[in-house]
Amino acid sequence: MSDQGWLADTRTSYDTVAVSYADQMRDALAGEPYLRGSLALFADMVHAAGGGSVADVGCGSGHVTAHLRKLGVDAFGIDLSPAMVDVARRDHPGLRFEVGSMTDLNLADASVAGLLAWWSLIHVPDDAVARVFGHFRRALRPGGLLLLGFHVGDESRLKTQGYGGHPMKVYVHRRQPGQVTAWLRDAGFTVEAQMLLDLDESVPGAVLFARRQP
């Protein structure tokens, strides 16, 4: 499928579910101590490196962006879906949210101290990941931090319904951490840590900490 095809499907799908998604995800972090711990560590590392702005790419309704702001991080959100951005601005007034795509990231070179893609890379097909990681590296300052969260597995499935039963048309790609690590290294990142989550569940998760090489 062309970029225009899967990007358009992803945008339309999340425009459709934006309000329901926000309702379901608003308090999602409250029951996820390991994810909160990962975000707290990421925030601490950004502070230790001198601070600076952090881009939450694929921010959805902005609940993770807002959580990072509570941790003292100068975070802002970018999402492909205009409806998601509208909901994020409604729910988190005063925070910065803008429409954009991780495949053509509209951030200046070396302009952010940190960047996270929190279960947003899952809709990007394999053949577009290298380009996305290239944009991440370009936007990060040398030594800048990257935090990724994603589903673990070896398959892709078409999601046709979600978040309140609304129709969707998005592929969800599950990947092994070793594959994502290899892609990151090829893109000029050093992978520093990995955490696996929910290993006894049908779809485990993974969190990777990486740093842009000089």
N, C-alpha and C. Protein backbone atom coordinates (compact mmCIF):
# COMPACT_ATOMS: atom_id res chain seq x y z
N MET A 1 0.84 -1.20 0.00
CA MET A 1 0.00 0.00 0.00
C MET A 1 0.88 1.25 0.00
N SER A 2 0.51 2.26 -0.77
CA SER A 2 1.26 3.50 -0.82
C SER A 2 1.15 4.26 0.49
N ASP A 3 2.10 5.20 0.70
CA ASP A 3 2.01 6.06 1.87
C ASP A 3 0.65 6.74 1.95
N GLN A 4 0.19 7.24 0.79
CA GLN A 4 -1.07 7.95 0.78
C GLN A 4 -2.22 7.05 1.25
N GLY A 5 -2.14 5.77 0.92
CA GLY A 5 -3.20 4.85 1.29
C GLY A 5 -3.24 4.58 2.78
N TRP A 6 -2.14 4.11 3.36
CA TRP A 6 -2.20 3.75 4.78
C TRP A 6 -2.24 4.98 5.67
N LEU A 7 -1.61 6.06 5.26
CA LEU A 7 -1.70 7.29 6.04
C LEU A 7 -3.13 7.84 6.04
N ALA A 8 -3.76 7.82 4.89
CA ALA A 8 -5.14 8.31 4.80
C ALA A 8 -6.08 7.44 5.64
N ASP A 9 -5.89 6.12 5.58
CA ASP A 9 -6.72 5.23 6.37
C ASP A 9 -6.51 5.45 7.87
N THR A 10 -5.26 5.64 8.26
CA THR A 10 -4.96 5.86 9.68
C THR A 10 -5.56 7.18 10.15
N ARG A 11 -5.41 8.22 9.34
CA ARG A 11 -5.97 9.53 9.71
C ARG A 11 -7.49 9.46 9.85
N THR A 12 -8.14 8.88 8.87
CA THR A 12 -9.61 8.78 8.90
C THR A 12 -10.07 7.94 10.09
N SER A 13 -9.39 6.84 10.34
CA SER A 13 -9.79 5.97 11.45
C SER A 13 -9.71 6.69 12.79
N TYR A 14 -8.62 7.40 13.02
CA TYR A 14 -8.48 8.08 14.31
C TYR A 14 -9.30 9.37 14.39
N ASP A 15 -9.59 9.97 13.26
CA ASP A 15 -10.59 11.05 13.29
C ASP A 15 -11.94 10.50 13.78
N THR A 16 -12.28 9.31 13.32
CA THR A 16 -13.57 8.70 13.65
C THR A 16 -13.67 8.36 15.14
N VAL A 17 -12.58 7.87 15.73
CA VAL A 17 -12.64 7.37 17.11
C VAL A 17 -12.11 8.36 18.13
N ALA A 18 -11.76 9.57 17.72
CA ALA A 18 -11.00 10.49 18.58
C ALA A 18 -11.66 10.70 19.94
N VAL A 19 -12.94 10.99 19.96
CA VAL A 19 -13.60 11.30 21.24
C VAL A 19 -13.66 10.05 22.12
N SER A 20 -14.03 8.92 21.55
CA SER A 20 -14.09 7.68 22.32
C SER A 20 -12.71 7.26 22.80
N TYR A 21 -11.71 7.42 21.96
CA TYR A 21 -10.33 7.09 22.34
C TYR A 21 -9.90 7.92 23.55
N ALA A 22 -10.19 9.21 23.51
CA ALA A 22 -9.81 10.08 24.62
C ALA A 22 -10.50 9.65 25.90
N ASP A 23 -11.77 9.28 25.82
CA ASP A 23 -12.50 8.85 27.01
C ASP A 23 -11.88 7.58 27.61
N GLN A 24 -11.46 6.65 26.75
CA GLN A 24 -10.91 5.39 27.23
C GLN A 24 -9.48 5.53 27.74
N MET A 25 -8.72 6.45 27.18
CA MET A 25 -7.29 6.54 27.51
C MET A 25 -6.97 7.58 28.57
N ARG A 26 -7.95 8.37 28.97
CA ARG A 26 -7.70 9.50 29.85
C ARG A 26 -6.95 9.08 31.13
N ASP A 27 -7.36 7.98 31.74
CA ASP A 27 -6.74 7.53 32.98
C ASP A 27 -5.97 6.23 32.80
N ALA A 28 -5.56 5.94 31.57
CA ALA A 28 -4.93 4.65 31.29
C ALA A 28 -3.63 4.45 32.05
N LEU A 29 -2.86 5.49 32.24
CA LEU A 29 -1.56 5.34 32.90
C LEU A 29 -1.70 5.03 34.39
N ALA A 30 -2.85 5.33 34.96
CA ALA A 30 -3.03 5.10 36.41
C ALA A 30 -2.83 3.64 36.77
N GLY A 31 -3.20 2.74 35.88
CA GLY A 31 -3.07 1.31 36.15
C GLY A 31 -1.85 0.67 35.53
N GLU A 32 -0.88 1.47 35.10
CA GLU A 32 0.31 0.96 34.41
C GLU A 32 1.59 1.43 35.10
N PRO A 33 1.96 0.83 36.23
CA PRO A 33 3.13 1.32 36.98
C PRO A 33 4.43 1.22 36.20
N TYR A 34 4.59 0.19 35.38
CA TYR A 34 5.84 0.05 34.64
C TYR A 34 5.96 1.11 33.53
N LEU A 35 4.83 1.43 32.91
CA LEU A 35 4.86 2.48 31.90
C LEU A 35 5.11 3.84 32.54
N ARG A 36 4.47 4.09 33.67
CA ARG A 36 4.74 5.35 34.38
C ARG A 36 6.21 5.42 34.78
N GLY A 37 6.76 4.29 35.21
CA GLY A 37 8.18 4.27 35.57
C GLY A 37 9.08 4.56 34.39
N SER A 38 8.72 4.03 33.23
CA SER A 38 9.51 4.30 32.02
C SER A 38 9.46 5.78 31.65
N LEU A 39 8.28 6.37 31.74
CA LEU A 39 8.15 7.79 31.43
C LEU A 39 8.89 8.65 32.45
N ALA A 40 8.86 8.25 33.72
CA ALA A 40 9.58 9.01 34.75
C ALA A 40 11.08 8.93 34.50
N LEU A 41 11.58 7.75 34.13
CA LEU A 41 13.01 7.62 33.84
C LEU A 41 13.39 8.45 32.62
N PHE A 42 12.55 8.42 31.60
CA PHE A 42 12.79 9.23 30.42
C PHE A 42 12.86 10.71 30.79
N ALA A 43 11.93 11.17 31.61
CA ALA A 43 11.92 12.56 32.05
C ALA A 43 13.19 12.89 32.83
N ASP A 44 13.60 12.01 33.73
CA ASP A 44 14.81 12.24 34.51
C ASP A 44 16.04 12.34 33.59
N MET A 45 16.09 11.51 32.58
CA MET A 45 17.24 11.52 31.67
C MET A 45 17.26 12.78 30.82
N VAL A 46 16.08 13.26 30.41
CA VAL A 46 16.03 14.53 29.68
C VAL A 46 16.54 15.66 30.57
N HIS A 47 16.09 15.69 31.81
CA HIS A 47 16.55 16.72 32.75
C HIS A 47 18.06 16.63 32.95
N ALA A 48 18.57 15.41 33.12
CA ALA A 48 20.00 15.22 33.39
C ALA A 48 20.86 15.66 32.21
N ALA A 49 20.29 15.58 31.01
CA ALA A 49 21.03 15.98 29.81
C ALA A 49 20.91 17.48 29.52
N GLY A 50 20.29 18.22 30.42
CA GLY A 50 20.20 19.67 30.25
C GLY A 50 18.84 20.19 29.87
N GLY A 51 17.86 19.29 29.76
CA GLY A 51 16.50 19.73 29.43
C GLY A 51 16.35 20.11 27.98
N GLY A 52 15.21 20.70 27.68
CA GLY A 52 14.86 21.07 26.32
C GLY A 52 13.51 20.50 25.95
N SER A 53 13.04 20.83 24.76
CA SER A 53 11.71 20.39 24.35
C SER A 53 11.73 18.92 23.95
N VAL A 54 10.56 18.29 24.14
CA VAL A 54 10.39 16.87 23.84
C VAL A 54 9.15 16.71 22.97
N ALA A 55 9.27 15.99 21.86
CA ALA A 55 8.16 15.75 20.94
C ALA A 55 7.53 14.39 21.22
N ASP A 56 6.23 14.41 21.47
CA ASP A 56 5.44 13.19 21.60
C ASP A 56 4.78 12.96 20.24
N VAL A 57 5.39 12.07 19.44
CA VAL A 57 4.99 11.90 18.04
C VAL A 57 3.97 10.77 17.95
N GLY A 58 2.78 11.11 17.46
CA GLY A 58 1.65 10.20 17.51
C GLY A 58 1.00 10.28 18.87
N CYS A 59 0.75 11.50 19.31
CA CYS A 59 0.34 11.78 20.69
C CYS A 59 -1.10 11.42 20.98
N GLY A 60 -1.91 11.17 19.94
CA GLY A 60 -3.31 10.87 20.19
C GLY A 60 -3.99 12.00 20.93
N SER A 61 -4.70 11.64 21.98
CA SER A 61 -5.47 12.64 22.74
C SER A 61 -4.64 13.39 23.77
N GLY A 62 -3.34 13.13 23.80
CA GLY A 62 -2.44 13.97 24.59
C GLY A 62 -2.24 13.57 26.03
N HIS A 63 -2.72 12.39 26.45
CA HIS A 63 -2.60 12.05 27.87
C HIS A 63 -1.15 11.81 28.29
N VAL A 64 -0.33 11.26 27.38
CA VAL A 64 1.09 11.05 27.72
C VAL A 64 1.84 12.38 27.67
N THR A 65 1.53 13.22 26.71
CA THR A 65 2.13 14.55 26.65
C THR A 65 1.88 15.30 27.96
N ALA A 66 0.64 15.27 28.43
CA ALA A 66 0.28 15.96 29.67
C ALA A 66 0.99 15.34 30.87
N HIS A 67 1.14 14.01 30.87
CA HIS A 67 1.84 13.35 31.97
C HIS A 67 3.30 13.80 32.02
N LEU A 68 3.93 13.90 30.87
CA LEU A 68 5.31 14.36 30.84
C LEU A 68 5.43 15.80 31.33
N ARG A 69 4.46 16.63 30.99
CA ARG A 69 4.49 18.01 31.49
C ARG A 69 4.41 18.03 33.01
N LYS A 70 3.62 17.14 33.60
CA LYS A 70 3.55 17.06 35.06
C LYS A 70 4.88 16.63 35.67
N LEU A 71 5.70 15.93 34.87
CA LEU A 71 7.03 15.52 35.32
C LEU A 71 8.08 16.60 35.04
N GLY A 72 7.63 17.75 34.61
CA GLY A 72 8.54 18.87 34.39
C GLY A 72 9.20 18.92 33.04
N VAL A 73 8.72 18.11 32.10
CA VAL A 73 9.29 18.07 30.75
C VAL A 73 8.54 19.04 29.85
N ASP A 74 9.27 19.77 29.03
CA ASP A 74 8.67 20.71 28.07
C ASP A 74 8.20 19.93 26.85
N ALA A 75 7.12 19.17 27.05
CA ALA A 75 6.62 18.26 26.02
C ALA A 75 5.54 18.92 25.17
N PHE A 76 5.52 18.56 23.90
CA PHE A 76 4.44 18.96 23.00
C PHE A 76 4.08 17.77 22.14
N GLY A 77 2.88 17.79 21.57
CA GLY A 77 2.37 16.64 20.84
C GLY A 77 2.17 16.89 19.37
N ILE A 78 2.39 15.84 18.58
CA ILE A 78 2.15 15.85 17.14
C ILE A 78 1.33 14.62 16.81
N ASP A 79 0.27 14.78 16.02
CA ASP A 79 -0.53 13.62 15.63
C ASP A 79 -1.03 13.79 14.21
N LEU A 80 -1.20 12.65 13.54
CA LEU A 80 -1.67 12.64 12.16
C LEU A 80 -3.12 13.06 12.04
N SER A 81 -3.91 12.82 13.08
CA SER A 81 -5.36 13.03 13.04
C SER A 81 -5.74 14.43 13.53
N PRO A 82 -6.32 15.26 12.68
CA PRO A 82 -6.77 16.58 13.14
C PRO A 82 -7.80 16.50 14.26
N ALA A 83 -8.68 15.49 14.22
CA ALA A 83 -9.67 15.36 15.28
C ALA A 83 -9.02 15.01 16.61
N MET A 84 -7.99 14.18 16.58
CA MET A 84 -7.24 13.87 17.80
C MET A 84 -6.58 15.12 18.36
N VAL A 85 -6.00 15.92 17.50
CA VAL A 85 -5.36 17.16 17.95
C VAL A 85 -6.39 18.09 18.56
N ASP A 86 -7.57 18.18 17.98
CA ASP A 86 -8.64 19.01 18.55
C ASP A 86 -9.01 18.53 19.95
N VAL A 87 -9.14 17.20 20.12
CA VAL A 87 -9.48 16.65 21.43
C VAL A 87 -8.35 16.90 22.43
N ALA A 88 -7.11 16.75 21.99
CA ALA A 88 -5.97 17.00 22.87
C ALA A 88 -5.96 18.45 23.35
N ARG A 89 -6.22 19.37 22.44
CA ARG A 89 -6.27 20.78 22.82
C ARG A 89 -7.43 21.07 23.77
N ARG A 90 -8.55 20.39 23.56
CA ARG A 90 -9.71 20.55 24.44
C ARG A 90 -9.40 20.04 25.85
N ASP A 91 -8.80 18.85 25.92
CA ASP A 91 -8.57 18.21 27.21
C ASP A 91 -7.37 18.78 27.96
N HIS A 92 -6.43 19.37 27.22
CA HIS A 92 -5.20 19.87 27.84
C HIS A 92 -4.91 21.30 27.36
N PRO A 93 -5.78 22.23 27.72
CA PRO A 93 -5.60 23.61 27.26
C PRO A 93 -4.27 24.18 27.76
N GLY A 94 -3.65 24.95 26.91
CA GLY A 94 -2.37 25.53 27.28
C GLY A 94 -1.18 24.74 26.81
N LEU A 95 -1.38 23.46 26.45
CA LEU A 95 -0.29 22.66 25.91
C LEU A 95 -0.29 22.76 24.39
N ARG A 96 0.86 22.50 23.81
CA ARG A 96 1.03 22.64 22.37
C ARG A 96 0.77 21.30 21.68
N PHE A 97 -0.16 21.30 20.73
CA PHE A 97 -0.45 20.14 19.90
C PHE A 97 -0.58 20.60 18.46
N GLU A 98 -0.05 19.81 17.54
CA GLU A 98 -0.12 20.18 16.14
C GLU A 98 -0.29 18.94 15.28
N VAL A 99 -0.86 19.14 14.09
CA VAL A 99 -1.06 18.06 13.14
C VAL A 99 0.23 17.83 12.36
N GLY A 100 0.60 16.57 12.24
CA GLY A 100 1.80 16.24 11.48
C GLY A 100 1.97 14.74 11.36
N SER A 101 2.90 14.32 10.50
CA SER A 101 3.15 12.91 10.25
C SER A 101 4.59 12.56 10.57
N MET A 102 4.80 11.41 11.21
CA MET A 102 6.16 10.98 11.51
C MET A 102 6.91 10.57 10.25
N THR A 103 6.22 10.37 9.13
CA THR A 103 6.89 10.06 7.87
C THR A 103 7.45 11.29 7.19
N ASP A 104 7.04 12.46 7.64
CA ASP A 104 7.52 13.73 7.07
C ASP A 104 7.52 14.76 8.19
N LEU A 105 8.34 14.52 9.18
CA LEU A 105 8.28 15.24 10.44
C LEU A 105 8.72 16.70 10.27
N ASN A 106 7.80 17.59 10.59
CA ASN A 106 8.06 19.02 10.39
C ASN A 106 8.70 19.63 11.64
N LEU A 107 9.91 19.14 11.95
CA LEU A 107 10.71 19.67 13.04
C LEU A 107 12.08 20.03 12.50
N ALA A 108 12.62 21.13 12.98
CA ALA A 108 13.94 21.55 12.53
C ALA A 108 15.00 20.55 12.97
N ASP A 109 16.10 20.52 12.24
CA ASP A 109 17.20 19.63 12.59
C ASP A 109 17.71 19.94 14.00
N ALA A 110 17.97 18.87 14.77
CA ALA A 110 18.56 18.98 16.11
C ALA A 110 17.79 19.94 17.01
N SER A 111 16.46 19.92 16.90
CA SER A 111 15.65 20.92 17.60
C SER A 111 15.03 20.41 18.89
N VAL A 112 15.07 19.09 19.14
CA VAL A 112 14.44 18.56 20.35
C VAL A 112 15.45 17.76 21.17
N ALA A 113 15.27 17.82 22.49
CA ALA A 113 16.14 17.07 23.40
C ALA A 113 15.70 15.63 23.55
N GLY A 114 14.42 15.38 23.29
CA GLY A 114 13.90 14.03 23.40
C GLY A 114 12.72 13.85 22.48
N LEU A 115 12.44 12.59 22.18
CA LEU A 115 11.31 12.27 21.31
C LEU A 115 10.78 10.91 21.74
N LEU A 116 9.46 10.78 21.78
CA LEU A 116 8.88 9.47 22.04
C LEU A 116 7.80 9.15 21.03
N ALA A 117 7.72 7.87 20.71
CA ALA A 117 6.65 7.31 19.88
C ALA A 117 6.04 6.20 20.70
N TRP A 118 4.96 6.52 21.38
CA TRP A 118 4.35 5.68 22.41
C TRP A 118 3.21 4.89 21.81
N TRP A 119 3.51 3.69 21.33
CA TRP A 119 2.53 2.85 20.66
C TRP A 119 1.90 3.56 19.46
N SER A 120 2.70 4.39 18.78
CA SER A 120 2.24 5.04 17.55
C SER A 120 2.95 4.49 16.32
N LEU A 121 4.13 3.92 16.50
CA LEU A 121 4.85 3.30 15.39
C LEU A 121 4.15 2.04 14.89
N ILE A 122 3.20 1.55 15.68
CA ILE A 122 2.56 0.27 15.36
C ILE A 122 1.77 0.30 14.06
N HIS A 123 1.43 1.46 13.56
CA HIS A 123 0.67 1.56 12.31
C HIS A 123 1.57 1.82 11.10
N VAL A 124 2.86 1.96 11.31
CA VAL A 124 3.79 2.25 10.21
C VAL A 124 4.29 0.94 9.62
N PRO A 125 4.12 0.73 8.32
CA PRO A 125 4.60 -0.52 7.71
C PRO A 125 6.13 -0.61 7.73
N ASP A 126 6.62 -1.83 7.63
CA ASP A 126 8.07 -2.06 7.75
C ASP A 126 8.88 -1.20 6.78
N ASP A 127 8.38 -1.06 5.55
CA ASP A 127 9.19 -0.37 4.54
C ASP A 127 9.23 1.15 4.75
N ALA A 128 8.48 1.66 5.72
CA ALA A 128 8.52 3.10 6.02
C ALA A 128 9.25 3.40 7.34
N VAL A 129 9.62 2.35 8.08
CA VAL A 129 10.22 2.58 9.40
C VAL A 129 11.57 3.29 9.29
N ALA A 130 12.40 2.91 8.34
CA ALA A 130 13.72 3.53 8.21
C ALA A 130 13.59 5.04 7.97
N ARG A 131 12.63 5.42 7.15
CA ARG A 131 12.42 6.86 6.89
C ARG A 131 11.96 7.57 8.16
N VAL A 132 11.07 6.93 8.92
CA VAL A 132 10.59 7.51 10.18
C VAL A 132 11.76 7.68 11.15
N PHE A 133 12.57 6.65 11.32
CA PHE A 133 13.70 6.74 12.24
C PHE A 133 14.72 7.77 11.76
N GLY A 134 14.84 7.92 10.45
CA GLY A 134 15.71 8.97 9.93
C GLY A 134 15.23 10.36 10.33
N HIS A 135 13.93 10.59 10.29
CA HIS A 135 13.36 11.86 10.74
C HIS A 135 13.56 12.04 12.25
N PHE A 136 13.39 10.95 13.02
CA PHE A 136 13.61 11.05 14.46
C PHE A 136 15.04 11.47 14.75
N ARG A 137 15.99 10.84 14.08
CA ARG A 137 17.40 11.16 14.32
C ARG A 137 17.71 12.60 13.91
N ARG A 138 17.16 13.01 12.77
CA ARG A 138 17.41 14.38 12.30
C ARG A 138 16.88 15.41 13.28
N ALA A 139 15.70 15.18 13.84
CA ALA A 139 15.07 16.16 14.73
C ALA A 139 15.73 16.21 16.10
N LEU A 140 16.30 15.09 16.54
CA LEU A 140 16.95 15.05 17.85
C LEU A 140 18.31 15.73 17.81
N ARG A 141 18.64 16.42 18.88
CA ARG A 141 19.99 16.95 18.98
C ARG A 141 20.95 15.78 19.26
N PRO A 142 22.24 15.94 18.95
CA PRO A 142 23.19 14.86 19.24
C PRO A 142 23.13 14.45 20.71
N GLY A 143 23.02 13.16 20.95
CA GLY A 143 22.87 12.66 22.30
C GLY A 143 21.45 12.69 22.81
N GLY A 144 20.50 13.16 21.98
CA GLY A 144 19.11 13.24 22.39
C GLY A 144 18.49 11.87 22.59
N LEU A 145 17.47 11.82 23.41
CA LEU A 145 16.86 10.56 23.84
C LEU A 145 15.62 10.21 23.03
N LEU A 146 15.50 8.92 22.74
CA LEU A 146 14.33 8.40 22.04
C LEU A 146 13.72 7.30 22.89
N LEU A 147 12.41 7.36 23.07
CA LEU A 147 11.67 6.35 23.82
C LEU A 147 10.59 5.78 22.91
N LEU A 148 10.61 4.46 22.74
CA LEU A 148 9.64 3.77 21.91
C LEU A 148 8.85 2.78 22.74
N GLY A 149 7.54 2.71 22.50
CA GLY A 149 6.70 1.65 23.05
C GLY A 149 5.93 1.00 21.91
N PHE A 150 5.84 -0.33 21.93
CA PHE A 150 5.18 -1.02 20.82
C PHE A 150 4.72 -2.41 21.24
N HIS A 151 3.87 -3.01 20.41
CA HIS A 151 3.40 -4.37 20.61
C HIS A 151 4.46 -5.35 20.13
N VAL A 152 4.62 -6.44 20.88
CA VAL A 152 5.60 -7.47 20.52
C VAL A 152 4.90 -8.62 19.81
N GLY A 153 5.51 -9.09 18.73
CA GLY A 153 4.96 -10.22 18.00
C GLY A 153 5.58 -10.33 16.63
N ASP A 154 4.96 -11.15 15.80
CA ASP A 154 5.51 -11.42 14.46
C ASP A 154 4.46 -11.31 13.38
N GLU A 155 3.41 -10.56 13.64
CA GLU A 155 2.35 -10.51 12.65
C GLU A 155 1.78 -9.10 12.55
N SER A 156 1.06 -8.89 11.47
CA SER A 156 0.30 -7.67 11.27
C SER A 156 -1.17 -8.05 11.08
N ARG A 157 -2.05 -7.28 11.68
CA ARG A 157 -3.48 -7.59 11.53
C ARG A 157 -4.23 -6.31 11.21
N LEU A 158 -5.30 -6.47 10.48
CA LEU A 158 -6.13 -5.33 10.11
C LEU A 158 -7.17 -5.11 11.21
N LYS A 159 -7.18 -3.92 11.77
CA LYS A 159 -8.15 -3.56 12.80
C LYS A 159 -9.30 -2.83 12.11
N THR A 160 -10.50 -3.38 12.26
CA THR A 160 -11.66 -2.82 11.56
C THR A 160 -12.65 -2.16 12.51
N GLN A 161 -12.40 -2.26 13.80
CA GLN A 161 -13.32 -1.68 14.76
C GLN A 161 -12.57 -1.41 16.06
N GLY A 162 -12.93 -0.34 16.75
CA GLY A 162 -12.26 -0.08 18.02
C GLY A 162 -12.80 1.15 18.72
N TYR A 163 -12.44 1.26 20.01
CA TYR A 163 -12.74 2.44 20.81
C TYR A 163 -14.21 2.84 20.72
N GLY A 164 -15.03 2.00 21.33
CA GLY A 164 -16.46 2.27 21.33
C GLY A 164 -17.20 1.63 20.18
N GLY A 165 -16.53 0.76 19.43
CA GLY A 165 -17.19 0.06 18.33
C GLY A 165 -17.22 0.81 17.02
N HIS A 166 -16.49 1.90 16.93
CA HIS A 166 -16.47 2.68 15.69
C HIS A 166 -15.66 1.96 14.61
N PRO A 167 -16.00 2.17 13.35
CA PRO A 167 -15.25 1.53 12.27
C PRO A 167 -13.85 2.11 12.14
N MET A 168 -12.89 1.23 11.90
CA MET A 168 -11.51 1.64 11.67
C MET A 168 -10.96 0.81 10.51
N LYS A 169 -9.89 1.30 9.92
CA LYS A 169 -9.16 0.55 8.90
C LYS A 169 -7.69 0.86 9.05
N VAL A 170 -7.07 0.17 10.00
CA VAL A 170 -5.64 0.37 10.26
C VAL A 170 -4.97 -0.98 10.47
N TYR A 171 -3.77 -1.11 9.96
CA TYR A 171 -2.98 -2.30 10.26
C TYR A 171 -2.20 -2.05 11.54
N VAL A 172 -2.19 -3.06 12.39
CA VAL A 172 -1.43 -3.03 13.63
C VAL A 172 -0.26 -4.00 13.48
N HIS A 173 0.95 -3.48 13.50
CA HIS A 173 2.15 -4.29 13.27
C HIS A 173 2.80 -4.63 14.61
N ARG A 174 2.94 -5.93 14.89
CA ARG A 174 3.63 -6.40 16.08
C ARG A 174 5.05 -6.80 15.68
N ARG A 175 6.03 -6.38 16.47
CA ARG A 175 7.42 -6.58 16.08
C ARG A 175 8.25 -7.08 17.25
N GLN A 176 9.31 -7.80 16.92
CA GLN A 176 10.23 -8.26 17.93
C GLN A 176 11.21 -7.13 18.29
N PRO A 177 11.54 -7.00 19.57
CA PRO A 177 12.48 -5.94 19.96
C PRO A 177 13.80 -6.01 19.22
N GLY A 178 14.27 -7.21 18.90
CA GLY A 178 15.53 -7.33 18.17
C GLY A 178 15.47 -6.68 16.81
N GLN A 179 14.33 -6.79 16.13
CA GLN A 179 14.16 -6.16 14.82
C GLN A 179 14.15 -4.65 14.95
N VAL A 180 13.41 -4.12 15.94
CA VAL A 180 13.36 -2.67 16.13
C VAL A 180 14.74 -2.15 16.52
N THR A 181 15.46 -2.89 17.36
CA THR A 181 16.82 -2.49 17.75
C THR A 181 17.73 -2.41 16.53
N ALA A 182 17.63 -3.38 15.63
CA ALA A 182 18.47 -3.38 14.43
C ALA A 182 18.15 -2.17 13.56
N TRP A 183 16.86 -1.86 13.39
CA TRP A 183 16.48 -0.68 12.62
C TRP A 183 17.03 0.60 13.25
N LEU A 184 16.97 0.68 14.58
CA LEU A 184 17.47 1.87 15.26
C LEU A 184 18.98 2.03 15.05
N ARG A 185 19.71 0.95 15.17
CA ARG A 185 21.17 1.03 14.98
C ARG A 185 21.50 1.45 13.56
N ASP A 186 20.77 0.92 12.59
CA ASP A 186 21.00 1.30 11.20
C ASP A 186 20.72 2.79 10.98
N ALA A 187 19.81 3.36 11.79
CA ALA A 187 19.43 4.77 11.64
C ALA A 187 20.35 5.71 12.42
N GLY A 188 21.31 5.17 13.16
CA GLY A 188 22.25 6.03 13.87
C GLY A 188 21.92 6.23 15.33
N PHE A 189 21.27 5.24 15.94
CA PHE A 189 20.96 5.29 17.37
C PHE A 189 21.75 4.23 18.12
N THR A 190 22.04 4.52 19.36
CA THR A 190 22.56 3.53 20.30
C THR A 190 21.41 3.12 21.21
N VAL A 191 21.10 1.84 21.25
CA VAL A 191 20.02 1.33 22.10
C VAL A 191 20.59 1.03 23.48
N GLU A 192 20.04 1.68 24.50
CA GLU A 192 20.62 1.61 25.84
C GLU A 192 19.87 0.67 26.79
N ALA A 193 18.58 0.48 26.59
CA ALA A 193 17.82 -0.36 27.51
C ALA A 193 16.55 -0.86 26.84
N GLN A 194 16.09 -2.00 27.34
CA GLN A 194 14.87 -2.62 26.84
C GLN A 194 14.08 -3.19 28.01
N MET A 195 12.77 -3.01 27.97
CA MET A 195 11.90 -3.60 28.98
C MET A 195 10.75 -4.30 28.27
N LEU A 196 10.47 -5.55 28.69
CA LEU A 196 9.35 -6.29 28.17
C LEU A 196 8.23 -6.29 29.20
N LEU A 197 6.99 -6.19 28.71
CA LEU A 197 5.83 -6.04 29.58
C LEU A 197 4.78 -7.10 29.27
N ASP A 198 4.03 -7.49 30.30
CA ASP A 198 2.87 -8.36 30.11
C ASP A 198 3.24 -9.64 29.35
N LEU A 199 4.29 -10.30 29.81
CA LEU A 199 4.81 -11.46 29.08
C LEU A 199 3.82 -12.63 29.06
N ASP A 200 2.92 -12.69 30.01
CA ASP A 200 1.93 -13.77 30.04
C ASP A 200 0.64 -13.41 29.31
N GLU A 201 0.60 -12.22 28.73
CA GLU A 201 -0.58 -11.81 27.97
C GLU A 201 -0.44 -12.23 26.51
N SER A 202 -1.54 -12.18 25.78
CA SER A 202 -1.53 -12.60 24.37
C SER A 202 -0.70 -11.66 23.50
N VAL A 203 -0.66 -10.38 23.87
CA VAL A 203 0.14 -9.41 23.12
C VAL A 203 1.02 -8.65 24.11
N PRO A 204 2.26 -9.12 24.31
CA PRO A 204 3.18 -8.39 25.19
C PRO A 204 3.53 -7.02 24.61
N GLY A 205 4.15 -6.21 25.44
CA GLY A 205 4.64 -4.91 25.00
C GLY A 205 6.13 -4.79 25.23
N ALA A 206 6.72 -3.79 24.60
CA ALA A 206 8.15 -3.52 24.79
C ALA A 206 8.37 -2.02 24.83
N VAL A 207 9.34 -1.63 25.63
CA VAL A 207 9.78 -0.24 25.70
C VAL A 207 11.28 -0.23 25.46
N LEU A 208 11.72 0.61 24.54
CA LEU A 208 13.15 0.75 24.22
C LEU A 208 13.60 2.18 24.48
N PHE A 209 14.76 2.31 25.13
CA PHE A 209 15.42 3.58 25.31
C PHE A 209 16.61 3.63 24.36
N ALA A 210 16.70 4.67 23.56
CA ALA A 210 17.80 4.81 22.63
C ALA A 210 18.30 6.26 22.66
N ARG A 211 19.48 6.45 22.11
CA ARG A 211 20.08 7.78 22.10
C ARG A 211 20.67 8.05 20.71
N ARG A 212 20.44 9.25 20.22
CA ARG A 212 21.03 9.61 18.93
C ARG A 212 22.54 9.68 19.05
N GLN A 213 23.22 8.97 18.17
CA GLN A 213 24.68 9.04 18.16
C GLN A 213 25.11 10.42 17.64
N PRO A 214 26.28 10.89 18.08
CA PRO A 214 26.78 12.18 17.58
C PRO A 214 26.96 12.17 16.08
